[in-house]
Amino acid sequence: MFSKKPAATPHSPGGRAMANSTFSVFGADIRIKGDVKASADLHVDGRVEGDVSCTSLVQGESGEIVGGVTAESARLSGTVRGTISVRDLVVLKTARIHGDVNYDSLTIEQGAQVDGRFAPRAVGEESAVVALAAS
């Protein structure tokens, strides 16, 4: 007589169940002063004056970060003025980096500009990035 309907599951247009994920976007009109710490993915098209720590960072061409970047993965297209420590890093041709870069895996497109040093991350740095991303 009375039946409970099963809980609704989010579906993609193709009918498959989607995984719950969190993705935050800072649009081109956003200006942030202070550190940004996200436990999930982050897309930055605006300006951040402070350190950025997240699981995965995607930076648009108009994005500017004045501070350090710590993430599991990053795809950079804009300007970064600070130290970068990332497991998997992709630097696109429009990127401008002013600072040292520590990485495990690195891809750089022809045309990208980097004013700093590249070095593989030390073993201790890897666990620090995982701990920051998890908290």
C-alpha atoms as a PDB file:
ATOM      1  CA  MET A   1       0.000   0.000   0.000  1.00  0.00           C
ATOM      2  CA  PHE A   2       2.658   2.551   1.029  1.00  0.00           C
ATOM      3  CA  SER A   3       5.977   2.191  -0.663  1.00  0.00           C
ATOM      4  CA  LYS A   4       9.104   4.241  -0.504  1.00  0.00           C
ATOM      5  CA  LYS A   5      10.529   5.458  -3.744  1.00  0.00           C
ATOM      6  CA  PRO A   6      14.227   4.820  -4.184  1.00  0.00           C
ATOM      7  CA  ALA A   7      16.416   7.850  -3.710  1.00  0.00           C
ATOM      8  CA  ALA A   8      16.982   9.772  -6.904  1.00  0.00           C
ATOM      9  CA  THR A   9      20.402   9.271  -8.459  1.00  0.00           C
ATOM     10  CA  PRO A  10      21.923  12.072 -10.518  1.00  0.00           C
ATOM     11  CA  HIS A  11      22.290  11.021 -14.132  1.00  0.00           C
ATOM     12  CA  SER A  12      24.236  12.404 -17.014  1.00  0.00           C
ATOM     13  CA  PRO A  13      22.382  13.093 -20.280  1.00  0.00           C
ATOM     14  CA  GLY A  14      23.465   9.641 -21.496  1.00  0.00           C
ATOM     15  CA  GLY A  15      21.644   7.993 -18.577  1.00  0.00           C
ATOM     16  CA  ARG A  16      24.728   6.902 -16.637  1.00  0.00           C
ATOM     17  CA  ALA A  17      25.062   7.686 -12.960  1.00  0.00           C
ATOM     18  CA  MET A  18      27.498  10.534 -12.230  1.00  0.00           C
ATOM     19  CA  ALA A  19      29.999  10.554  -9.382  1.00  0.00           C
ATOM     20  CA  ASN A  20      29.546  13.286  -6.809  1.00  0.00           C
ATOM     21  CA  SER A  21      32.269  15.857  -7.362  1.00  0.00           C
ATOM     22  CA  THR A  22      32.907  19.362  -6.212  1.00  0.00           C
ATOM     23  CA  PHE A  23      34.228  21.973  -8.619  1.00  0.00           C
ATOM     24  CA  SER A  24      34.635  25.655  -7.741  1.00  0.00           C
ATOM     25  CA  VAL A  25      35.097  28.424 -10.303  1.00  0.00           C
ATOM     26  CA  PHE A  26      36.587  31.872  -9.728  1.00  0.00           C
ATOM     27  CA  GLY A  27      35.434  33.905 -12.715  1.00  0.00           C
ATOM     28  CA  ALA A  28      37.488  36.565 -14.488  1.00  0.00           C
ATOM     29  CA  ASP A  29      35.767  39.304 -12.451  1.00  0.00           C
ATOM     30  CA  ILE A  30      36.774  37.765  -9.078  1.00  0.00           C
ATOM     31  CA  ARG A  31      39.632  39.273  -7.028  1.00  0.00           C
ATOM     32  CA  ILE A  32      40.660  37.444  -3.840  1.00  0.00           C
ATOM     33  CA  LYS A  33      43.172  38.615  -1.238  1.00  0.00           C
ATOM     34  CA  GLY A  34      44.107  35.757   1.074  1.00  0.00           C
ATOM     35  CA  ASP A  35      44.921  32.078   0.906  1.00  0.00           C
ATOM     36  CA  VAL A  36      42.569  29.695  -0.885  1.00  0.00           C
ATOM     37  CA  LYS A  37      42.253  26.117   0.339  1.00  0.00           C
ATOM     38  CA  ALA A  38      39.882  23.762  -1.469  1.00  0.00           C
ATOM     39  CA  SER A  39      39.362  20.071  -0.791  1.00  0.00           C
ATOM     40  CA  ALA A  40      38.351  19.494  -4.401  1.00  0.00           C
ATOM     41  CA  ASP A  41      38.903  20.901  -7.894  1.00  0.00           C
ATOM     42  CA  LEU A  42      39.353  24.613  -8.578  1.00  0.00           C
ATOM     43  CA  HIS A  43      39.172  26.678 -11.777  1.00  0.00           C
ATOM     44  CA  VAL A  44      40.704  30.165 -11.596  1.00  0.00           C
ATOM     45  CA  ASP A  45      40.080  32.821 -14.241  1.00  0.00           C
ATOM     46  CA  GLY A  46      40.333  35.774 -11.824  1.00  0.00           C
ATOM     47  CA  ARG A  47      43.133  37.064  -9.581  1.00  0.00           C
ATOM     48  CA  VAL A  48      44.216  35.441  -6.315  1.00  0.00           C
ATOM     49  CA  GLU A  49      46.721  37.233  -4.070  1.00  0.00           C
ATOM     50  CA  GLY A  50      47.661  34.429  -1.701  1.00  0.00           C
ATOM     51  CA  ASP A  51      48.581  30.761  -1.677  1.00  0.00           C
ATOM     52  CA  VAL A  52      46.331  28.269  -3.472  1.00  0.00           C
ATOM     53  CA  SER A  53      46.003  24.683  -2.215  1.00  0.00           C
ATOM     54  CA  CYS A  54      43.600  22.229  -3.859  1.00  0.00           C
ATOM     55  CA  THR A  55      43.272  18.767  -5.360  1.00  0.00           C
ATOM     56  CA  SER A  56      43.234  19.836  -8.994  1.00  0.00           C
ATOM     57  CA  LEU A  57      43.816  23.336 -10.379  1.00  0.00           C
ATOM     58  CA  VAL A  58      42.834  24.589 -13.802  1.00  0.00           C
ATOM     59  CA  GLN A  59      43.914  28.147 -14.546  1.00  0.00           C
ATOM     60  CA  GLY A  60      42.438  30.029 -17.477  1.00  0.00           C
ATOM     61  CA  GLU A  61      44.399  32.446 -19.667  1.00  0.00           C
ATOM     62  CA  SER A  62      43.074  35.456 -17.738  1.00  0.00           C
ATOM     63  CA  GLY A  63      43.898  33.867 -14.373  1.00  0.00           C
ATOM     64  CA  GLU A  64      46.620  35.316 -12.152  1.00  0.00           C
ATOM     65  CA  ILE A  65      47.938  33.828  -8.926  1.00  0.00           C
ATOM     66  CA  VAL A  66      50.351  35.859  -6.797  1.00  0.00           C
ATOM     67  CA  GLY A  67      51.430  33.257  -4.258  1.00  0.00           C
ATOM     68  CA  GLY A  68      52.353  29.610  -4.011  1.00  0.00           C
ATOM     69  CA  VAL A  69      50.436  26.766  -5.650  1.00  0.00           C
ATOM     70  CA  THR A  70      50.164  23.300  -4.069  1.00  0.00           C
ATOM     71  CA  ALA A  71      48.049  20.640  -5.789  1.00  0.00           C
ATOM     72  CA  GLU A  72      47.906  17.047  -6.972  1.00  0.00           C
ATOM     73  CA  SER A  73      47.498  18.217 -10.566  1.00  0.00           C
ATOM     74  CA  ALA A  74      47.533  21.589 -12.290  1.00  0.00           C
ATOM     75  CA  ARG A  75      46.887  22.836 -15.810  1.00  0.00           C
ATOM     76  CA  LEU A  76      48.179  26.396 -16.075  1.00  0.00           C
ATOM     77  CA  SER A  77      47.322  28.884 -18.841  1.00  0.00           C
ATOM     78  CA  GLY A  78      47.679  32.226 -17.045  1.00  0.00           C
ATOM     79  CA  THR A  79      50.247  33.915 -14.800  1.00  0.00           C
ATOM     80  CA  VAL A  80      51.678  32.525 -11.561  1.00  0.00           C
ATOM     81  CA  ARG A  81      54.057  34.579  -9.415  1.00  0.00           C
ATOM     82  CA  GLY A  82      55.213  32.148  -6.742  1.00  0.00           C
ATOM     83  CA  THR A  83      56.475  28.649  -6.037  1.00  0.00           C
ATOM     84  CA  ILE A  84      54.588  25.713  -7.542  1.00  0.00           C
ATOM     85  CA  SER A  85      54.566  22.201  -6.032  1.00  0.00           C
ATOM     86  CA  VAL A  86      52.425  19.798  -8.055  1.00  0.00           C
ATOM     87  CA  ARG A  87      52.435  16.067  -8.747  1.00  0.00           C
ATOM     88  CA  ASP A  88      51.225  16.312 -12.386  1.00  0.00           C
ATOM     89  CA  LEU A  89      51.822  19.677 -14.072  1.00  0.00           C
ATOM     90  CA  VAL A  90      50.806  20.861 -17.533  1.00  0.00           C
ATOM     91  CA  VAL A  91      52.060  24.308 -18.568  1.00  0.00           C
ATOM     92  CA  LEU A  92      50.218  25.565 -21.640  1.00  0.00           C
ATOM     93  CA  LYS A  93      51.698  27.950 -24.220  1.00  0.00           C
ATOM     94  CA  THR A  94      49.923  31.025 -22.806  1.00  0.00           C
ATOM     95  CA  ALA A  95      51.276  30.447 -19.276  1.00  0.00           C
ATOM     96  CA  ARG A  96      53.726  32.860 -17.611  1.00  0.00           C
ATOM     97  CA  ILE A  97      55.418  31.465 -14.496  1.00  0.00           C
ATOM     98  CA  HIS A  98      57.673  33.577 -12.263  1.00  0.00           C
ATOM     99  CA  GLY A  99      58.965  31.219  -9.571  1.00  0.00           C
ATOM    100  CA  ASP A 100      60.409  27.793  -8.911  1.00  0.00           C
ATOM    101  CA  VAL A 101      58.521  24.668  -9.958  1.00  0.00           C
ATOM    102  CA  ASN A 102      58.602  21.304  -8.154  1.00  0.00           C
ATOM    103  CA  TYR A 103      56.873  18.414  -9.918  1.00  0.00           C
ATOM    104  CA  ASP A 104      56.649  14.644 -10.392  1.00  0.00           C
ATOM    105  CA  SER A 105      55.350  14.719 -13.972  1.00  0.00           C
ATOM    106  CA  LEU A 106      55.798  17.734 -16.262  1.00  0.00           C
ATOM    107  CA  THR A 107      54.463  18.754 -19.676  1.00  0.00           C
ATOM    108  CA  ILE A 108      55.289  22.145 -21.198  1.00  0.00           C
ATOM    109  CA  GLU A 109      53.866  23.447 -24.456  1.00  0.00           C
ATOM    110  CA  GLN A 110      56.126  25.377 -26.793  1.00  0.00           C
ATOM    111  CA  GLY A 111      55.684  29.104 -26.142  1.00  0.00           C
ATOM    112  CA  ALA A 112      55.198  28.937 -22.370  1.00  0.00           C
ATOM    113  CA  GLN A 113      57.436  31.326 -20.421  1.00  0.00           C
ATOM    114  CA  VAL A 114      59.066  30.312 -17.147  1.00  0.00           C
ATOM    115  CA  ASP A 115      61.356  32.508 -15.058  1.00  0.00           C
ATOM    116  CA  GLY A 116      62.487  30.080 -12.358  1.00  0.00           C
ATOM    117  CA  ARG A 117      63.946  26.645 -11.759  1.00  0.00           C
ATOM    118  CA  PHE A 118      62.422  23.232 -12.366  1.00  0.00           C
ATOM    119  CA  ALA A 119      63.167  20.380  -9.958  1.00  0.00           C
ATOM    120  CA  PRO A 120      61.553  17.011  -9.215  1.00  0.00           C
ATOM    121  CA  ARG A 121      59.771  16.952  -5.850  1.00  0.00           C
ATOM    122  CA  ALA A 122      61.467  15.288  -2.900  1.00  0.00           C
ATOM    123  CA  VAL A 123      59.794  12.312  -1.213  1.00  0.00           C
ATOM    124  CA  GLY A 124      58.785  14.430   1.820  1.00  0.00           C
ATOM    125  CA  GLU A 125      57.067  17.008  -0.388  1.00  0.00           C
ATOM    126  CA  GLU A 126      54.795  14.375  -1.941  1.00  0.00           C
ATOM    127  CA  SER A 127      53.261  13.426   1.396  1.00  0.00           C
ATOM    128  CA  ALA A 128      52.906  17.093   2.352  1.00  0.00           C
ATOM    129  CA  VAL A 129      50.868  17.789  -0.800  1.00  0.00           C
ATOM    130  CA  VAL A 130      48.616  14.798  -0.150  1.00  0.00           C
ATOM    131  CA  ALA A 131      48.088  15.930   3.460  1.00  0.00           C
ATOM    132  CA  LEU A 132      47.239  19.496   2.397  1.00  0.00           C
ATOM    133  CA  ALA A 133      44.814  18.301  -0.252  1.00  0.00           C
ATOM    134  CA  ALA A 134      43.116  15.934   2.209  1.00  0.00           C
ATOM    135  CA  SER A 135      42.571  18.555   4.928  1.00  0.00           C
END
